[in-house]
Amino acid sequence: MAGGFWWLLLLSFIIASTSIGAGILPLALSLSRRRIQAISSFGMGLLVGTSLIVIIPEGVSTLYSAYAEPESHHTANTNTIRSLLSHRDDGAHGHDETEHHDASPERYVGLALVVGFVFMYLIHLLSVWSTHTNERAYSTFSMNNLRSFSSPESTETPLSSSRSFSTTLGLLIHATADGIALGATANSSKPSLGLIVFFAIMLHKAPAAFGLVAILLKQGLSKRQARTHLIAFSLAAPVGAFGTWLIISVLGGRGGAEDHHQTTEWWSGVLLLFSAGTFLFVAMHAMQEIAGGGHNHGTGSHGHELRMQDIDTAPSDDEDKMQNSLLTVVGMLAPLITYLGPHHAH
């Protein structure tokens, strides 16, 4: 447990530092739009591959291991238990089968996945709804104040402020979900799992931090305000990771050593599958953006998606789209590298 804590602390520190470093770049210099898109394309492909190849199988395996009975505690009593069960009446036997069926982990696999997916979908809808509502409110406000004189020194409008808040809030929730995935791997029996999730988070979090600050500056926020948003975004994943680790530790600490292990495994598996659902939604949304070239519905960023059009409106050529598509496919297949290493049995 202690080893998992320090390992998680190191990875969280690197994630926060990298996010802050990437977010500071728009305040100091301009990176090419093509390079940002290339990194984002590979990162989103890696999200899909990590979810399907690594997180979901590991989550299922971890969840099932929580239901497996340790051989050392039950092998010696197998014959006695079978003898006792053979003398039970049919009603008691049927009741036992019902309890065993109810304890089956299959139902939690799909449930955790769809809850994670629906969670991010609802966050996206709320972000879009909030932005559209504020746009209508600002439109009414502007019509009522057409004849009034406004201060030329004010560069941040209520609409830009609401958009900035909506963009940052959506990304904060997304980053926290990333942290849940990282925190759930702290107690995994596969040390490589945490590294894979870490790299998947890093490769889409750094471009997201860069894009966030670039969009906030374009929406009229000062550099100081943009820096505050960046720090909050950078700390969201570490907070989510340690919150998840703490929850698993507390819930898993109830009962004896056996119960502690099984409860920890159960929560780790469920949270891994939940995070896989969030990863799949974010990746699916981003892939639609890449495939369709993005559909901008205004001058600002709607919801929590960072659109390249909000940073630079220059169109991409077909060559760039093909390159980004190939990078996405490479990112999807990259987690297959984990199959080359030794496999750890649970």
Protein backbone atom coordinates (compact mmCIF):
# COMPACT_ATOMS: atom_id res chain seq x y z
CA MET A 1 0.00 0.00 0.00
CA ALA A 2 2.78 2.43 0.92
CA GLY A 3 4.66 1.61 -2.28
CA GLY A 4 1.55 2.37 -4.31
CA PHE A 5 1.20 5.74 -2.57
CA TRP A 6 4.72 6.92 -3.40
CA TRP A 7 4.45 5.63 -6.96
CA LEU A 8 1.16 7.50 -7.36
CA LEU A 9 2.71 10.63 -5.86
CA LEU A 10 5.54 10.55 -8.41
CA LEU A 11 3.23 10.07 -11.40
CA SER A 12 0.84 12.77 -10.17
CA PHE A 13 3.70 15.23 -9.74
CA ILE A 14 4.90 14.59 -13.29
CA ILE A 15 1.38 15.00 -14.70
CA ALA A 16 0.81 18.29 -12.87
CA SER A 17 4.23 19.66 -13.82
CA THR A 18 3.85 18.71 -17.48
CA SER A 19 0.38 20.23 -17.68
CA ILE A 20 1.56 23.50 -16.19
CA GLY A 21 4.59 23.53 -18.49
CA ALA A 22 2.48 22.88 -21.59
CA GLY A 23 -0.09 25.47 -20.54
CA ILE A 24 2.53 28.17 -20.03
CA LEU A 25 3.71 27.86 -23.64
CA PRO A 26 0.86 29.93 -25.15
CA LEU A 27 1.77 32.71 -22.72
CA ALA A 28 5.32 32.81 -24.06
CA LEU A 29 5.32 31.51 -27.63
CA SER A 30 3.19 30.06 -30.41
CA LEU A 31 3.38 26.44 -31.48
CA SER A 32 2.25 25.33 -34.92
CA ARG A 33 -1.31 24.14 -35.19
CA ARG A 34 -0.19 21.07 -37.16
CA ARG A 35 2.03 19.90 -34.32
CA ILE A 36 -0.72 20.33 -31.73
CA GLN A 37 -3.15 18.37 -33.90
CA ALA A 38 -0.61 15.58 -34.45
CA ILE A 39 0.02 15.14 -30.72
CA SER A 40 -3.71 15.29 -29.97
CA SER A 41 -4.50 12.71 -32.66
CA PHE A 42 -1.96 10.23 -31.30
CA GLY A 43 -3.12 10.90 -27.73
CA MET A 44 -6.76 10.26 -28.54
CA GLY A 45 -5.89 7.06 -30.37
CA LEU A 46 -3.92 6.01 -27.32
CA LEU A 47 -6.99 6.66 -25.16
CA VAL A 48 -9.04 4.24 -27.27
CA GLY A 49 -6.30 1.60 -27.31
CA THR A 50 -5.62 1.94 -23.60
CA SER A 51 -9.32 1.60 -22.79
CA LEU A 52 -9.96 -1.46 -25.00
CA ILE A 53 -6.63 -3.27 -24.71
CA VAL A 54 -5.49 -2.45 -21.17
CA ILE A 55 -8.02 -0.87 -18.81
CA ILE A 56 -11.14 -2.90 -19.63
CA PRO A 57 -9.40 -6.33 -19.56
CA GLU A 58 -7.53 -5.38 -16.39
CA GLY A 59 -10.69 -4.02 -14.77
CA VAL A 60 -12.59 -7.23 -15.58
CA SER A 61 -9.71 -9.38 -14.33
CA THR A 62 -9.41 -7.37 -11.11
CA LEU A 63 -13.15 -7.50 -10.51
CA TYR A 64 -13.29 -11.27 -11.01
CA SER A 65 -10.28 -11.81 -8.76
CA ALA A 66 -12.23 -10.15 -5.93
CA TYR A 67 -14.78 -12.98 -6.18
CA ALA A 68 -12.21 -15.78 -6.41
CA GLU A 69 -11.81 -17.81 -3.23
CA PRO A 70 -8.19 -18.17 -2.08
CA GLU A 71 -7.14 -21.79 -2.34
CA SER A 72 -5.10 -21.72 0.86
CA HIS A 73 -8.18 -21.03 2.98
CA HIS A 74 -10.63 -23.40 1.32
CA THR A 75 -8.82 -26.39 -0.13
CA ALA A 76 -8.55 -28.19 3.22
CA ASN A 77 -12.27 -27.81 3.90
CA THR A 78 -13.55 -28.64 0.41
CA ASN A 79 -14.74 -32.16 1.28
CA THR A 80 -16.44 -31.01 4.48
CA ILE A 81 -18.28 -28.21 2.70
CA ARG A 82 -19.40 -30.54 -0.09
CA SER A 83 -20.65 -33.01 2.50
CA LEU A 84 -22.66 -30.36 4.29
CA LEU A 85 -24.11 -29.02 1.05
CA SER A 86 -25.17 -32.51 -0.03
CA HIS A 87 -27.47 -32.78 3.03
CA ARG A 88 -29.20 -29.47 2.46
CA ASP A 89 -32.78 -29.55 1.31
CA ASP A 90 -33.74 -28.36 -2.17
CA GLY A 91 -35.08 -25.05 -0.89
CA ALA A 92 -31.88 -24.16 0.91
CA HIS A 93 -29.84 -25.27 -2.08
CA GLY A 94 -31.87 -23.07 -4.39
CA HIS A 95 -31.43 -20.14 -2.02
CA ASP A 96 -27.67 -20.70 -2.01
CA GLU A 97 -27.60 -20.70 -5.80
CA THR A 98 -29.56 -17.45 -5.84
CA GLU A 99 -27.07 -15.82 -3.49
CA HIS A 100 -24.17 -17.03 -5.60
CA HIS A 101 -25.82 -15.66 -8.73
CA ASP A 102 -26.47 -12.32 -7.05
CA ALA A 103 -22.79 -12.09 -6.16
CA SER A 104 -21.78 -12.62 -9.79
CA PRO A 105 -19.46 -9.86 -11.06
CA GLU A 106 -20.73 -9.88 -14.66
CA ARG A 107 -23.37 -7.26 -14.04
CA TYR A 108 -20.84 -4.79 -12.62
CA VAL A 109 -18.67 -4.84 -15.76
CA GLY A 110 -21.22 -3.31 -18.12
CA LEU A 111 -22.71 -1.14 -15.38
CA ALA A 112 -19.39 0.53 -14.52
CA LEU A 113 -18.57 1.08 -18.22
CA VAL A 114 -21.89 2.66 -19.12
CA VAL A 115 -21.96 4.81 -15.96
CA GLY A 116 -18.56 6.26 -16.88
CA PHE A 117 -19.66 6.87 -20.47
CA VAL A 118 -23.00 8.42 -19.47
CA PHE A 119 -21.29 10.55 -16.81
CA MET A 120 -19.05 12.25 -19.39
CA TYR A 121 -21.96 12.53 -21.83
CA LEU A 122 -24.07 14.37 -19.26
CA ILE A 123 -21.16 16.65 -18.40
CA HIS A 124 -20.82 17.46 -22.09
CA LEU A 125 -24.55 18.20 -22.42
CA LEU A 126 -24.54 20.41 -19.33
CA SER A 127 -21.54 22.33 -20.65
CA VAL A 128 -23.19 22.90 -24.03
CA TRP A 129 -26.50 23.85 -22.40
CA SER A 130 -24.76 26.30 -20.06
CA THR A 131 -22.89 27.96 -22.93
CA HIS A 132 -26.00 28.31 -25.10
CA THR A 133 -28.01 29.69 -22.17
CA ASN A 134 -25.35 32.29 -21.45
CA GLU A 135 -25.20 33.22 -25.14
CA ARG A 136 -28.94 33.94 -25.16
CA ALA A 137 -28.70 35.88 -21.92
CA TYR A 138 -25.81 37.95 -23.25
CA SER A 139 -27.69 38.60 -26.51
CA THR A 140 -30.63 40.02 -24.52
CA PHE A 141 -28.25 42.02 -22.36
CA SER A 142 -26.58 43.52 -25.45
CA MET A 143 -29.90 44.51 -27.06
CA ASN A 144 -30.99 46.28 -23.89
CA ASN A 145 -27.75 48.23 -23.74
CA LEU A 146 -27.27 49.26 -27.36
CA ARG A 147 -27.80 52.92 -26.54
CA SER A 148 -25.57 52.97 -23.47
CA PHE A 149 -21.89 53.82 -23.44
CA SER A 150 -19.57 51.04 -22.33
CA SER A 151 -16.05 51.39 -21.03
CA PRO A 152 -13.45 50.70 -23.75
CA GLU A 153 -11.12 49.34 -21.11
CA SER A 154 -13.32 46.31 -20.44
CA THR A 155 -12.20 43.48 -22.72
CA GLU A 156 -13.84 40.54 -20.93
CA THR A 157 -17.58 40.24 -21.63
CA PRO A 158 -20.07 38.21 -19.55
CA LEU A 159 -20.30 35.77 -22.47
CA SER A 160 -16.54 35.23 -22.67
CA SER A 161 -16.42 34.78 -18.91
CA SER A 162 -19.19 32.15 -18.99
CA ARG A 163 -17.53 30.36 -21.89
CA SER A 164 -14.22 30.33 -20.06
CA PHE A 165 -15.86 28.91 -16.94
CA SER A 166 -17.74 26.28 -18.95
CA THR A 167 -14.60 25.23 -20.84
CA THR A 168 -12.50 24.98 -17.68
CA LEU A 169 -15.21 23.22 -15.66
CA GLY A 170 -15.68 20.52 -18.30
CA LEU A 171 -11.95 19.91 -18.51
CA LEU A 172 -11.64 19.86 -14.72
CA ILE A 173 -14.21 17.06 -14.51
CA HIS A 174 -12.52 15.20 -17.36
CA ALA A 175 -9.11 15.56 -15.69
CA THR A 176 -10.57 14.29 -12.41
CA ALA A 177 -11.88 11.23 -14.26
CA ASP A 178 -8.35 10.70 -15.60
CA GLY A 179 -7.11 10.83 -12.02
CA ILE A 180 -9.65 8.16 -11.03
CA ALA A 181 -8.13 5.85 -13.65
CA LEU A 182 -4.63 6.50 -12.34
CA GLY A 183 -5.63 6.10 -8.70
CA ALA A 184 -7.37 2.80 -9.41
CA THR A 185 -4.11 1.36 -10.74
CA ALA A 186 -2.12 2.12 -7.57
CA ASN A 187 -3.06 -1.22 -5.99
CA SER A 188 -2.95 -3.26 -9.19
CA SER A 189 -0.87 -6.42 -9.35
CA LYS A 190 0.54 -5.23 -12.69
CA PRO A 191 3.04 -2.39 -12.22
CA SER A 192 3.02 -1.68 -15.96
CA LEU A 193 -0.68 -0.81 -15.86
CA GLY A 194 -0.08 2.45 -14.01
CA LEU A 195 2.60 3.47 -16.52
CA ILE A 196 0.35 2.78 -19.50
CA VAL A 197 -2.51 4.81 -18.03
CA PHE A 198 0.00 7.51 -17.09
CA PHE A 199 1.30 7.85 -20.66
CA ALA A 200 -2.24 7.82 -22.07
CA ILE A 201 -3.18 10.68 -19.74
CA MET A 202 -0.01 12.61 -20.45
CA LEU A 203 -0.31 12.48 -24.24
CA HIS A 204 -3.74 14.07 -24.28
CA LYS A 205 -3.45 16.21 -21.14
CA ALA A 206 -0.47 18.26 -22.34
CA PRO A 207 -2.16 19.36 -25.61
CA ALA A 208 -5.37 19.98 -23.65
CA ALA A 209 -3.51 22.29 -21.24
CA PHE A 210 -1.95 24.15 -24.17
CA GLY A 211 -5.31 24.47 -25.93
CA LEU A 212 -7.10 25.53 -22.75
CA VAL A 213 -4.82 28.51 -22.13
CA ALA A 214 -4.83 29.48 -25.83
CA ILE A 215 -8.63 29.50 -25.89
CA LEU A 216 -8.92 31.38 -22.60
CA LEU A 217 -6.60 34.09 -23.90
CA LYS A 218 -8.61 34.32 -27.12
CA GLN A 219 -11.82 34.63 -25.11
CA GLY A 220 -10.46 37.74 -23.42
CA LEU A 221 -9.10 36.52 -20.10
CA SER A 222 -5.95 38.07 -18.72
CA LYS A 223 -2.76 36.05 -18.45
CA ARG A 224 -3.16 35.95 -14.67
CA GLN A 225 -6.69 34.56 -14.93
CA ALA A 226 -5.63 32.03 -17.56
CA ARG A 227 -2.79 30.91 -15.29
CA THR A 228 -5.25 30.36 -12.42
CA HIS A 229 -7.46 28.20 -14.66
CA LEU A 230 -4.37 26.27 -15.78
CA ILE A 231 -3.26 25.50 -12.21
CA ALA A 232 -6.74 24.24 -11.32
CA PHE A 233 -6.79 22.03 -14.42
CA SER A 234 -3.30 20.68 -13.73
CA LEU A 235 -4.14 19.72 -10.14
CA ALA A 236 -7.47 18.05 -10.99
CA ALA A 237 -5.96 14.71 -12.07
CA PRO A 238 -3.68 14.36 -9.00
CA VAL A 239 -6.61 15.23 -6.73
CA GLY A 240 -8.77 12.62 -8.46
CA ALA A 241 -5.97 10.06 -8.23
CA PHE A 242 -5.35 10.50 -4.51
CA GLY A 243 -9.07 10.74 -3.78
CA THR A 244 -9.57 7.40 -5.51
CA TRP A 245 -6.59 5.85 -3.74
CA LEU A 246 -7.91 7.08 -0.38
CA ILE A 247 -11.43 5.75 -1.03
CA ILE A 248 -10.08 2.33 -2.02
CA SER A 249 -7.80 2.28 1.04
CA VAL A 250 -10.57 3.24 3.46
CA LEU A 251 -13.22 0.93 2.02
CA GLY A 252 -10.72 -1.88 1.64
CA GLY A 253 -9.53 -1.45 5.22
CA ARG A 254 -12.74 -2.78 6.70
CA GLY A 255 -12.72 -6.35 7.99
CA GLY A 256 -9.77 -8.72 8.13
CA ALA A 257 -6.85 -9.07 5.77
CA GLU A 258 -8.86 -11.30 3.45
CA ASP A 259 -11.78 -8.86 3.30
CA HIS A 260 -9.37 -5.97 2.84
CA HIS A 261 -7.80 -7.58 -0.22
CA GLN A 262 -11.12 -8.55 -1.80
CA THR A 263 -12.73 -5.14 -1.20
CA THR A 264 -9.69 -3.35 -2.59
CA GLU A 265 -9.73 -5.55 -5.68
CA TRP A 266 -13.46 -4.98 -6.17
CA TRP A 267 -13.28 -1.19 -5.96
CA SER A 268 -10.15 -1.08 -8.12
CA GLY A 269 -11.89 -3.13 -10.82
CA VAL A 270 -15.08 -1.07 -10.77
CA LEU A 271 -13.22 2.26 -10.89
CA LEU A 272 -10.97 1.03 -13.70
CA LEU A 273 -14.04 0.13 -15.74
CA PHE A 274 -15.69 3.46 -14.88
CA SER A 275 -12.61 5.35 -16.07
CA ALA A 276 -12.54 3.24 -19.24
CA GLY A 277 -16.08 4.43 -19.96
CA THR A 278 -15.01 8.06 -19.55
CA PHE A 279 -11.97 7.49 -21.77
CA LEU A 280 -14.14 5.96 -24.50
CA PHE A 281 -16.52 8.92 -24.55
CA VAL A 282 -13.75 11.51 -24.73
CA ALA A 283 -11.91 9.54 -27.42
CA MET A 284 -15.09 8.99 -29.45
CA HIS A 285 -15.91 12.70 -29.34
CA ALA A 286 -12.38 13.65 -30.34
CA MET A 287 -12.32 11.13 -33.19
CA GLN A 288 -15.52 12.63 -34.59
CA GLU A 289 -13.73 15.96 -34.51
CA ILE A 290 -10.74 14.54 -36.40
CA ALA A 291 -12.80 12.62 -38.96
CA GLY A 292 -15.20 15.47 -39.65
CA GLY A 293 -12.63 18.22 -39.55
CA GLY A 294 -14.53 19.81 -36.66
CA HIS A 295 -17.76 21.75 -36.85
CA ASN A 296 -17.49 25.07 -35.19
CA HIS A 297 -20.79 26.53 -34.13
CA GLY A 298 -19.61 29.95 -33.26
CA THR A 299 -16.59 31.93 -32.31
CA GLY A 300 -16.01 30.26 -28.98
CA SER A 301 -15.56 26.82 -27.57
CA HIS A 302 -18.79 24.99 -26.84
CA GLY A 303 -18.75 22.58 -23.96
CA HIS A 304 -15.44 21.20 -22.75
CA GLU A 305 -14.05 20.15 -26.13
CA LEU A 306 -10.96 22.02 -27.23
CA ARG A 307 -11.36 22.71 -30.92
CA MET A 308 -8.39 23.66 -33.03
CA GLN A 309 -10.59 26.21 -34.80
CA ASP A 310 -10.74 28.15 -31.55
CA ILE A 311 -6.97 28.52 -31.62
CA ASP A 312 -6.26 28.96 -35.31
CA THR A 313 -8.95 29.13 -37.99
CA ALA A 314 -6.63 28.11 -40.83
CA PRO A 315 -8.06 24.99 -42.51
CA SER A 316 -6.19 21.68 -42.53
CA ASP A 317 -5.25 20.15 -45.86
CA ASP A 318 -5.97 16.54 -46.80
CA GLU A 319 -2.37 15.56 -46.12
CA ASP A 320 -2.62 16.69 -42.51
CA LYS A 321 -5.92 14.85 -42.05
CA MET A 322 -4.42 11.63 -43.40
CA GLN A 323 -1.37 12.01 -41.18
CA ASN A 324 -3.52 12.64 -38.10
CA SER A 325 -5.72 9.63 -38.93
CA LEU A 326 -2.65 7.40 -39.20
CA LEU A 327 -1.32 8.75 -35.90
CA THR A 328 -4.67 7.94 -34.29
CA VAL A 329 -4.49 4.34 -35.55
CA VAL A 330 -0.89 4.04 -34.32
CA GLY A 331 -2.03 5.33 -30.93
CA MET A 332 -4.80 2.72 -30.81
CA LEU A 333 -2.34 -0.10 -31.48
CA ALA A 334 0.46 1.20 -29.25
CA PRO A 335 -0.84 -0.48 -26.03
CA LEU A 336 -0.36 -3.86 -27.75
CA ILE A 337 3.27 -3.48 -26.70
CA THR A 338 2.17 -4.61 -23.24
CA TYR A 339 1.45 -8.07 -24.66
CA LEU A 340 5.16 -8.51 -25.42
CA GLY A 341 6.17 -8.40 -21.75
CA PRO A 342 5.70 -11.05 -19.07
CA HIS A 343 2.14 -11.60 -17.88
CA HIS A 344 1.35 -11.43 -14.20
CA ALA A 345 -1.23 -13.79 -12.87
CA HIS A 346 -3.66 -12.53 -10.25
